[in-house]
Amino acid sequence: MGDVPNTDWLRDSGLPLDTGGGVAADACCRVAPGVVAAGDVVSRQGRRTPHWTNAVEQGRAAALGLLHGESARPYRPDP
């Protein structure tokens, strides 16, 4: 069982995609300068965590990462 993120439309965008098709983000959900991502499509350290709780929490972390940059607190998923 599993899911595959729909990121085909991002292939020529210049955004980093991992081998599984997820958008590669750093610990604060930042993808590129001025670009953040959250939810099922996000891959952190080569791993996606598709679950509604992570989507909500990543959204908060992504907003803080966008607003606070390097001083933002890293997203720590709840296992």
C-alpha atoms as a PDB file:
ATOM      1  CA  MET A   1       0.000   0.000   0.000  1.00  0.00           C
ATOM      2  CA  GLY A   2       1.090   3.513  -0.475  1.00  0.00           C
ATOM      3  CA  ASP A   3       0.630   6.671  -2.412  1.00  0.00           C
ATOM      4  CA  VAL A   4       2.569   8.522  -5.051  1.00  0.00           C
ATOM      5  CA  PRO A   5       2.735  12.321  -4.902  1.00  0.00           C
ATOM      6  CA  ASN A   6       1.498  14.142  -8.006  1.00  0.00           C
ATOM      7  CA  THR A   7       4.579  16.249  -8.734  1.00  0.00           C
ATOM      8  CA  ASP A   8       4.932  15.734 -12.494  1.00  0.00           C
ATOM      9  CA  TRP A   9       3.946  19.349 -13.013  1.00  0.00           C
ATOM     10  CA  LEU A  10       6.988  20.406 -10.951  1.00  0.00           C
ATOM     11  CA  ARG A  11       9.610  18.477 -12.969  1.00  0.00           C
ATOM     12  CA  ASP A  12      10.813  21.534 -14.924  1.00  0.00           C
ATOM     13  CA  SER A  13      10.330  24.015 -12.078  1.00  0.00           C
ATOM     14  CA  GLY A  14      13.843  23.736 -10.697  1.00  0.00           C
ATOM     15  CA  LEU A  15      12.509  22.650  -7.298  1.00  0.00           C
ATOM     16  CA  PRO A  16      14.297  19.641  -5.808  1.00  0.00           C
ATOM     17  CA  LEU A  17      12.379  16.355  -6.148  1.00  0.00           C
ATOM     18  CA  ASP A  18      13.557  13.132  -4.533  1.00  0.00           C
ATOM     19  CA  THR A  19      13.607   9.747  -6.266  1.00  0.00           C
ATOM     20  CA  GLY A  20      10.137   8.924  -4.941  1.00  0.00           C
ATOM     21  CA  GLY A  21       8.672  12.082  -6.462  1.00  0.00           C
ATOM     22  CA  GLY A  22       8.355  14.049  -3.236  1.00  0.00           C
ATOM     23  CA  VAL A  23       9.431  17.673  -2.952  1.00  0.00           C
ATOM     24  CA  ALA A  24      12.708  17.708  -1.016  1.00  0.00           C
ATOM     25  CA  ALA A  25      12.477  20.118   1.917  1.00  0.00           C
ATOM     26  CA  ASP A  26      14.831  20.976   4.750  1.00  0.00           C
ATOM     27  CA  ALA A  27      14.095  20.608   8.473  1.00  0.00           C
ATOM     28  CA  CYS A  28      11.967  23.777   8.420  1.00  0.00           C
ATOM     29  CA  CYS A  29       9.943  22.715   5.323  1.00  0.00           C
ATOM     30  CA  ARG A  30      11.840  25.154   3.093  1.00  0.00           C
ATOM     31  CA  VAL A  31      12.351  24.004  -0.504  1.00  0.00           C
ATOM     32  CA  ALA A  32      14.072  27.008  -2.095  1.00  0.00           C
ATOM     33  CA  PRO A  33      14.466  30.693  -1.208  1.00  0.00           C
ATOM     34  CA  GLY A  34      10.938  31.990  -0.651  1.00  0.00           C
ATOM     35  CA  VAL A  35       9.375  28.550  -1.257  1.00  0.00           C
ATOM     36  CA  VAL A  36       8.055  26.178   1.418  1.00  0.00           C
ATOM     37  CA  ALA A  37       6.012  22.991   1.215  1.00  0.00           C
ATOM     38  CA  ALA A  38       3.751  21.021   3.526  1.00  0.00           C
ATOM     39  CA  GLY A  39       1.694  17.863   3.446  1.00  0.00           C
ATOM     40  CA  ASP A  40       1.858  14.527   1.670  1.00  0.00           C
ATOM     41  CA  VAL A  41       4.155  15.806  -1.061  1.00  0.00           C
ATOM     42  CA  VAL A  42       6.993  16.823   1.308  1.00  0.00           C
ATOM     43  CA  SER A  43      10.068  14.629   1.563  1.00  0.00           C
ATOM     44  CA  ARG A  44      12.422  15.350   4.450  1.00  0.00           C
ATOM     45  CA  GLN A  45      15.701  13.468   4.551  1.00  0.00           C
ATOM     46  CA  GLY A  46      14.410  11.201   1.764  1.00  0.00           C
ATOM     47  CA  ARG A  47      11.261  10.193   3.632  1.00  0.00           C
ATOM     48  CA  ARG A  48       7.646  11.263   3.243  1.00  0.00           C
ATOM     49  CA  THR A  49       5.130  11.071   6.093  1.00  0.00           C
ATOM     50  CA  PRO A  50       1.684  11.200   4.446  1.00  0.00           C
ATOM     51  CA  HIS A  51      -0.732  11.727   7.303  1.00  0.00           C
ATOM     52  CA  TRP A  52      -3.195  14.511   8.041  1.00  0.00           C
ATOM     53  CA  THR A  53      -1.490  15.402  11.329  1.00  0.00           C
ATOM     54  CA  ASN A  54       1.825  15.953   9.581  1.00  0.00           C
ATOM     55  CA  ALA A  55       0.144  18.088   6.929  1.00  0.00           C
ATOM     56  CA  VAL A  56      -1.280  20.404   9.601  1.00  0.00           C
ATOM     57  CA  GLU A  57       1.941  20.584  11.618  1.00  0.00           C
ATOM     58  CA  GLN A  58       4.110  20.966   8.511  1.00  0.00           C
ATOM     59  CA  GLY A  59       1.896  23.841   7.400  1.00  0.00           C
ATOM     60  CA  ARG A  60       2.670  25.657  10.635  1.00  0.00           C
ATOM     61  CA  ALA A  61       6.387  24.851  10.362  1.00  0.00           C
ATOM     62  CA  ALA A  62       6.459  25.947   6.713  1.00  0.00           C
ATOM     63  CA  ALA A  63       4.841  29.289   7.569  1.00  0.00           C
ATOM     64  CA  LEU A  64       7.368  29.885  10.351  1.00  0.00           C
ATOM     65  CA  GLY A  65      10.214  28.810   8.049  1.00  0.00           C
ATOM     66  CA  LEU A  66       9.036  31.288   5.433  1.00  0.00           C
ATOM     67  CA  LEU A  67       8.614  34.132   7.911  1.00  0.00           C
ATOM     68  CA  HIS A  68      11.632  33.530  10.167  1.00  0.00           C
ATOM     69  CA  GLY A  69      14.161  31.906   7.808  1.00  0.00           C
ATOM     70  CA  GLU A  70      17.200  30.411   9.512  1.00  0.00           C
ATOM     71  CA  SER A  71      15.925  31.263  12.992  1.00  0.00           C
ATOM     72  CA  ALA A  72      12.790  29.097  12.529  1.00  0.00           C
ATOM     73  CA  ARG A  73      12.396  26.052  14.739  1.00  0.00           C
ATOM     74  CA  PRO A  74      12.795  22.778  12.807  1.00  0.00           C
ATOM     75  CA  TYR A  75       9.731  20.613  12.253  1.00  0.00           C
ATOM     76  CA  ARG A  76       9.804  17.486  14.396  1.00  0.00           C
ATOM     77  CA  PRO A  77       7.153  14.969  13.383  1.00  0.00           C
ATOM     78  CA  ASP A  78       5.254  13.188  16.089  1.00  0.00           C
ATOM     79  CA  PRO A  79       5.758   9.453  15.538  1.00  0.00           C
END
